[in-house]
Structures are given as C-alpha cells and as structure tokens.
C-alpha cells in the first residue's frame, strides 16, 4: 500500500512504536553493511516486525500521524528522547560526536 506523500507523519523512537501503527516512510534494517530488512510505506507494524526492527538496529520510524498516541504527555516524550540520546552517545561524547548530539538536543521540540 502506498501512502500519500502529503499524509502527516511523525518520527518515533523504536521503543515508542506499538503494533498496529502504519509506516509513513520506508524502513530499512541492516546486518553489518548488508540490507536485511525492508518495510514498505503503508505497512502495518506487527509485534514480529517490531522485534526485527530492534534486532536490525532501527532507531526511529516515521508513522502516520493519526497512529501516534497523543495521550503521552509532551514532557515524557522529551525525557524519553533525551534518555535515548544519552544511551546512544554515552555520558561523555567524543569531540566528533558532540556537534551531532548538540544538534539533536537543539531539535528536541521539533522531533518530539
């Protein structure tokens, strides 16, 4: 199923996804340099697909806006996002990673 490109969507961290959500952009998973997973636009996320995404190192997925659980308070989303960045970059990012971390933290309001 192809999703209309104008369909509103939102990027969610992998751990915020729920079965039943619908992808708004293609999802690609890798094992090393080899592409080992592809989920098409408009696919419904199942528990099995979600497990594979986690295994393949997928960090974020674009889901159709109507599928987002808006019940979660914005502060919780921000805290979850910042915690995930801390897990990824560690307590003391090296000089090469610091600009990326700074940019992601600066974009927190847009991304959450």
N, C-alpha and C. Protein backbone atom coordinates (compact mmCIF):
# COMPACT_ATOMS: atom_id res chain seq x y z
N UNK A 1 0.84 -1.17 0.00
CA UNK A 1 0.00 0.00 0.00
C UNK A 1 0.88 1.24 0.00
N UNK A 2 0.72 2.14 -0.94
CA UNK A 2 1.49 3.37 -0.98
C UNK A 2 0.75 4.46 -0.22
N UNK A 3 1.47 5.15 0.62
CA UNK A 3 0.93 6.23 1.41
C UNK A 3 1.03 7.51 0.60
N UNK A 4 0.02 8.36 0.67
CA UNK A 4 0.06 9.66 0.03
C UNK A 4 1.22 10.46 0.62
N UNK A 5 2.12 11.02 -0.20
CA UNK A 5 3.27 11.75 0.33
C UNK A 5 2.89 12.93 1.21
N UNK A 6 1.67 13.45 1.06
CA UNK A 6 1.24 14.58 1.88
C UNK A 6 0.64 14.15 3.21
N UNK A 7 0.54 12.84 3.45
CA UNK A 7 0.00 12.33 4.70
C UNK A 7 0.87 12.79 5.86
N UNK A 8 0.25 13.39 6.88
CA UNK A 8 1.05 13.82 8.04
C UNK A 8 1.69 12.62 8.73
N UNK A 9 2.94 12.79 9.13
CA UNK A 9 3.63 11.71 9.83
C UNK A 9 4.52 12.30 10.90
N UNK A 10 5.02 11.43 11.75
CA UNK A 10 5.87 11.84 12.87
C UNK A 10 6.90 10.75 13.09
N UNK A 11 8.14 11.16 13.38
CA UNK A 11 9.19 10.19 13.68
C UNK A 11 9.09 9.78 15.14
N UNK A 12 9.12 8.48 15.39
CA UNK A 12 9.10 7.97 16.76
C UNK A 12 10.30 7.08 17.00
N UNK A 13 10.85 7.13 18.21
CA UNK A 13 11.92 6.19 18.54
C UNK A 13 11.35 4.78 18.56
N UNK A 14 12.17 3.82 18.23
CA UNK A 14 11.73 2.43 18.07
C UNK A 14 10.98 1.91 19.30
N UNK A 15 11.41 2.31 20.49
CA UNK A 15 10.79 1.81 21.71
C UNK A 15 9.43 2.44 21.99
N UNK A 16 9.04 3.46 21.21
CA UNK A 16 7.72 4.08 21.36
C UNK A 16 6.70 3.51 20.39
N UNK A 17 7.14 2.66 19.46
CA UNK A 17 6.22 2.07 18.48
C UNK A 17 5.32 1.04 19.13
N UNK A 18 4.13 0.91 18.57
CA UNK A 18 3.17 -0.08 19.02
C UNK A 18 2.67 -0.87 17.81
N UNK A 19 2.41 -2.17 18.00
CA UNK A 19 1.80 -2.93 16.91
C UNK A 19 0.51 -2.25 16.46
N UNK A 20 0.29 -2.24 15.16
CA UNK A 20 -0.89 -1.61 14.59
C UNK A 20 -0.61 -0.25 13.98
N UNK A 21 0.52 0.38 14.34
CA UNK A 21 0.87 1.65 13.72
C UNK A 21 1.22 1.39 12.26
N UNK A 22 1.12 2.44 11.44
CA UNK A 22 1.35 2.33 10.00
C UNK A 22 2.56 3.17 9.61
N UNK A 23 3.47 2.57 8.84
CA UNK A 23 4.67 3.28 8.42
C UNK A 23 4.33 4.37 7.40
N UNK A 24 5.01 5.51 7.54
CA UNK A 24 4.80 6.62 6.61
C UNK A 24 5.98 6.78 5.67
N UNK A 25 7.09 6.16 6.00
CA UNK A 25 8.29 6.17 5.17
C UNK A 25 8.88 4.77 5.19
N UNK A 26 9.64 4.39 4.17
CA UNK A 26 10.24 3.05 4.17
C UNK A 26 11.16 2.87 5.38
N UNK A 27 11.24 1.65 5.86
CA UNK A 27 12.13 1.30 6.98
C UNK A 27 13.12 0.27 6.45
N UNK A 28 14.40 0.54 6.65
CA UNK A 28 15.44 -0.37 6.19
C UNK A 28 16.29 -0.79 7.39
N UNK A 29 16.49 -2.10 7.51
CA UNK A 29 17.34 -2.63 8.57
C UNK A 29 18.57 -3.29 7.98
N UNK A 30 19.65 -3.25 8.73
CA UNK A 30 20.92 -3.77 8.24
C UNK A 30 21.51 -4.77 9.22
N UNK A 31 22.30 -5.66 8.67
CA UNK A 31 23.17 -6.54 9.44
C UNK A 31 24.56 -6.30 8.89
N UNK A 32 25.35 -5.52 9.62
CA UNK A 32 26.63 -5.08 9.07
C UNK A 32 26.35 -4.10 7.94
N UNK A 33 26.93 -4.33 6.77
CA UNK A 33 26.67 -3.48 5.61
C UNK A 33 25.61 -4.04 4.69
N UNK A 34 25.02 -5.15 5.06
CA UNK A 34 24.04 -5.83 4.22
C UNK A 34 22.62 -5.46 4.63
N UNK A 35 21.83 -4.97 3.67
CA UNK A 35 20.43 -4.67 3.93
C UNK A 35 19.69 -5.99 4.12
N UNK A 36 19.10 -6.18 5.30
CA UNK A 36 18.45 -7.46 5.60
C UNK A 36 16.97 -7.31 5.95
N UNK A 37 16.47 -6.08 5.87
CA UNK A 37 15.06 -5.86 6.19
C UNK A 37 14.56 -4.64 5.44
N UNK A 38 13.36 -4.74 4.89
CA UNK A 38 12.72 -3.60 4.24
C UNK A 38 11.24 -3.65 4.56
N UNK A 39 10.73 -2.56 5.11
CA UNK A 39 9.30 -2.44 5.39
C UNK A 39 8.80 -1.28 4.54
N UNK A 40 7.81 -1.55 3.71
CA UNK A 40 7.31 -0.55 2.77
C UNK A 40 6.44 0.50 3.45
N UNK A 41 6.28 1.61 2.76
CA UNK A 41 5.37 2.67 3.20
C UNK A 41 3.96 2.09 3.25
N UNK A 42 3.23 2.40 4.31
CA UNK A 42 1.85 1.95 4.44
C UNK A 42 1.70 0.59 5.09
N UNK A 43 2.82 -0.02 5.50
CA UNK A 43 2.75 -1.33 6.16
C UNK A 43 2.32 -1.16 7.62
N UNK A 44 1.52 -2.10 8.09
CA UNK A 44 1.12 -2.10 9.49
C UNK A 44 2.20 -2.81 10.29
N UNK A 45 2.64 -2.19 11.35
CA UNK A 45 3.69 -2.75 12.19
C UNK A 45 3.08 -3.82 13.10
N UNK A 46 3.67 -5.01 13.03
CA UNK A 46 3.25 -6.11 13.91
C UNK A 46 4.30 -6.30 14.99
N UNK A 47 3.99 -7.11 16.00
CA UNK A 47 4.97 -7.38 17.06
C UNK A 47 6.22 -8.02 16.47
N UNK A 48 6.06 -8.91 15.51
CA UNK A 48 7.20 -9.58 14.89
C UNK A 48 8.07 -8.62 14.10
N UNK A 49 7.44 -7.72 13.35
CA UNK A 49 8.19 -6.74 12.58
C UNK A 49 8.92 -5.79 13.53
N UNK A 50 8.26 -5.40 14.61
CA UNK A 50 8.88 -4.52 15.60
C UNK A 50 10.11 -5.19 16.21
N UNK A 51 10.01 -6.46 16.52
CA UNK A 51 11.15 -7.21 17.07
C UNK A 51 12.31 -7.24 16.07
N UNK A 52 11.99 -7.45 14.79
CA UNK A 52 13.04 -7.46 13.76
C UNK A 52 13.70 -6.09 13.63
N UNK A 53 12.90 -5.02 13.72
CA UNK A 53 13.45 -3.66 13.63
C UNK A 53 14.46 -3.43 14.75
N UNK A 54 14.12 -3.87 15.95
CA UNK A 54 15.02 -3.71 17.09
C UNK A 54 16.29 -4.50 16.85
N UNK A 55 16.15 -5.75 16.39
CA UNK A 55 17.30 -6.61 16.12
C UNK A 55 18.21 -6.02 15.05
N UNK A 56 17.61 -5.37 14.05
CA UNK A 56 18.38 -4.81 12.93
C UNK A 56 18.92 -3.42 13.22
N UNK A 57 18.70 -2.91 14.43
CA UNK A 57 19.28 -1.63 14.81
C UNK A 57 18.54 -0.40 14.33
N UNK A 58 17.27 -0.54 13.95
CA UNK A 58 16.49 0.61 13.53
C UNK A 58 16.26 1.49 14.76
N UNK A 59 16.53 2.77 14.66
CA UNK A 59 16.40 3.70 15.79
C UNK A 59 15.07 4.43 15.80
N UNK A 60 14.62 4.91 14.64
CA UNK A 60 13.39 5.70 14.54
C UNK A 60 12.60 5.26 13.32
N UNK A 61 11.29 5.44 13.40
CA UNK A 61 10.42 5.08 12.29
C UNK A 61 9.38 6.20 12.12
N UNK A 62 9.11 6.56 10.88
CA UNK A 62 8.06 7.53 10.59
C UNK A 62 6.74 6.79 10.53
N UNK A 63 5.79 7.22 11.36
CA UNK A 63 4.47 6.60 11.37
C UNK A 63 3.43 7.64 11.01
N UNK A 64 2.33 7.16 10.45
CA UNK A 64 1.22 8.03 10.07
C UNK A 64 0.74 8.77 11.31
N UNK A 65 0.56 10.06 11.19
CA UNK A 65 0.23 10.94 12.32
C UNK A 65 -0.95 10.44 13.13
N UNK A 66 -2.00 9.97 12.49
CA UNK A 66 -3.18 9.53 13.24
C UNK A 66 -2.88 8.32 14.12
N UNK A 67 -1.75 7.67 13.87
CA UNK A 67 -1.41 6.48 14.64
C UNK A 67 -0.64 6.80 15.92
N UNK A 68 -0.26 8.05 16.10
CA UNK A 68 0.54 8.42 17.26
C UNK A 68 -0.33 8.51 18.50
N UNK A 69 0.16 7.96 19.58
CA UNK A 69 -0.53 8.02 20.86
C UNK A 69 -0.28 9.39 21.46
N UNK A 70 -1.27 10.28 21.33
CA UNK A 70 -1.10 11.63 21.83
C UNK A 70 -1.38 11.71 23.32
N UNK A 71 -1.73 10.58 23.95
CA UNK A 71 -2.01 10.59 25.38
C UNK A 71 -0.75 10.78 26.21
N UNK A 72 0.40 10.44 25.66
CA UNK A 72 1.65 10.60 26.41
C UNK A 72 1.94 12.09 26.55
N UNK A 73 2.19 12.54 27.77
CA UNK A 73 2.48 13.96 27.96
C UNK A 73 3.76 14.36 27.24
N UNK A 74 3.80 15.58 26.68
CA UNK A 74 4.99 16.02 25.95
C UNK A 74 6.27 15.92 26.78
N UNK A 75 6.20 16.22 28.06
CA UNK A 75 7.40 16.14 28.89
C UNK A 75 7.96 14.73 28.93
N UNK A 76 7.08 13.72 28.95
CA UNK A 76 7.54 12.33 28.97
C UNK A 76 8.23 11.99 27.65
N UNK A 77 7.71 12.49 26.55
CA UNK A 77 8.33 12.23 25.25
C UNK A 77 9.72 12.86 25.19
N UNK A 78 9.84 14.06 25.70
CA UNK A 78 11.14 14.76 25.70
C UNK A 78 12.12 13.99 26.57
N UNK A 79 11.68 13.58 27.75
CA UNK A 79 12.54 12.83 28.66
C UNK A 79 12.99 11.52 28.03
N UNK A 80 12.06 10.79 27.39
CA UNK A 80 12.40 9.54 26.71
C UNK A 80 13.41 9.78 25.60
N UNK A 81 13.20 10.84 24.83
CA UNK A 81 14.10 11.18 23.73
C UNK A 81 15.50 11.49 24.25
N UNK A 82 15.57 12.32 25.28
CA UNK A 82 16.86 12.69 25.84
C UNK A 82 17.56 11.50 26.49
N UNK A 83 16.80 10.61 27.10
CA UNK A 83 17.39 9.39 27.69
C UNK A 83 17.97 8.51 26.60
N UNK A 84 17.26 8.40 25.48
CA UNK A 84 17.76 7.57 24.38
C UNK A 84 19.03 8.16 23.80
N UNK A 85 19.08 9.48 23.66
CA UNK A 85 20.31 10.10 23.17
C UNK A 85 21.47 9.83 24.12
N UNK A 86 21.19 9.87 25.40
CA UNK A 86 22.22 9.58 26.39
C UNK A 86 22.73 8.15 26.26
N UNK A 87 21.82 7.21 25.99
CA UNK A 87 22.21 5.81 25.78
C UNK A 87 23.09 5.68 24.54
N UNK A 88 22.73 6.39 23.48
CA UNK A 88 23.45 6.29 22.21
C UNK A 88 24.83 6.94 22.31
N UNK A 89 24.89 8.16 22.86
CA UNK A 89 26.14 8.92 22.86
C UNK A 89 27.00 8.69 24.10
N UNK A 90 26.41 8.12 25.14
CA UNK A 90 27.15 7.87 26.37
C UNK A 90 27.27 9.12 27.21
N UNK A 91 27.86 8.99 28.40
CA UNK A 91 27.93 10.13 29.32
C UNK A 91 28.87 11.24 28.85
N UNK A 92 29.89 10.89 28.08
CA UNK A 92 30.86 11.89 27.61
C UNK A 92 31.14 11.64 26.13
N UNK A 93 30.34 12.26 25.23
CA UNK A 93 30.57 12.06 23.80
C UNK A 93 31.93 12.61 23.38
N UNK A 94 32.55 11.94 22.40
CA UNK A 94 33.84 12.44 21.91
C UNK A 94 33.62 13.69 21.05
N UNK A 95 34.69 14.36 20.74
CA UNK A 95 34.62 15.64 20.02
C UNK A 95 33.95 15.50 18.66
N UNK A 96 34.10 14.37 18.01
CA UNK A 96 33.49 14.17 16.69
C UNK A 96 31.97 14.03 16.79
N UNK A 97 31.48 13.46 17.89
CA UNK A 97 30.05 13.23 18.06
C UNK A 97 29.31 14.39 18.71
N UNK A 98 30.03 15.22 19.44
CA UNK A 98 29.39 16.30 20.20
C UNK A 98 28.54 17.23 19.35
N UNK A 99 28.98 17.66 18.14
CA UNK A 99 28.13 18.54 17.33
C UNK A 99 26.80 17.88 16.94
N UNK A 100 26.82 16.59 16.64
CA UNK A 100 25.59 15.90 16.30
C UNK A 100 24.66 15.84 17.51
N UNK A 101 25.21 15.49 18.67
CA UNK A 101 24.40 15.45 19.89
C UNK A 101 23.80 16.83 20.17
N UNK A 102 24.60 17.88 20.05
CA UNK A 102 24.11 19.24 20.29
C UNK A 102 22.96 19.58 19.34
N UNK A 103 23.09 19.21 18.07
CA UNK A 103 22.04 19.48 17.09
C UNK A 103 20.76 18.71 17.41
N UNK A 104 20.91 17.45 17.80
CA UNK A 104 19.73 16.65 18.16
C UNK A 104 19.04 17.20 19.40
N UNK A 105 19.82 17.63 20.37
CA UNK A 105 19.23 18.22 21.58
C UNK A 105 18.55 19.55 21.26
N UNK A 106 19.14 20.33 20.37
CA UNK A 106 18.54 21.61 19.97
C UNK A 106 17.23 21.40 19.23
N UNK A 107 17.08 20.27 18.55
CA UNK A 107 15.88 19.98 17.78
C UNK A 107 14.85 19.17 18.57
N UNK A 108 15.05 19.06 19.87
CA UNK A 108 14.16 18.23 20.70
C UNK A 108 12.69 18.60 20.51
N UNK A 109 12.36 19.88 20.55
CA UNK A 109 10.96 20.29 20.43
C UNK A 109 10.37 19.89 19.09
N UNK A 110 11.14 19.98 18.03
CA UNK A 110 10.66 19.62 16.70
C UNK A 110 10.48 18.11 16.59
N UNK A 111 11.44 17.35 17.13
CA UNK A 111 11.42 15.89 16.99
C UNK A 111 10.45 15.21 17.94
N UNK A 112 10.12 15.84 19.03
CA UNK A 112 9.20 15.24 20.00
C UNK A 112 7.84 15.85 19.84
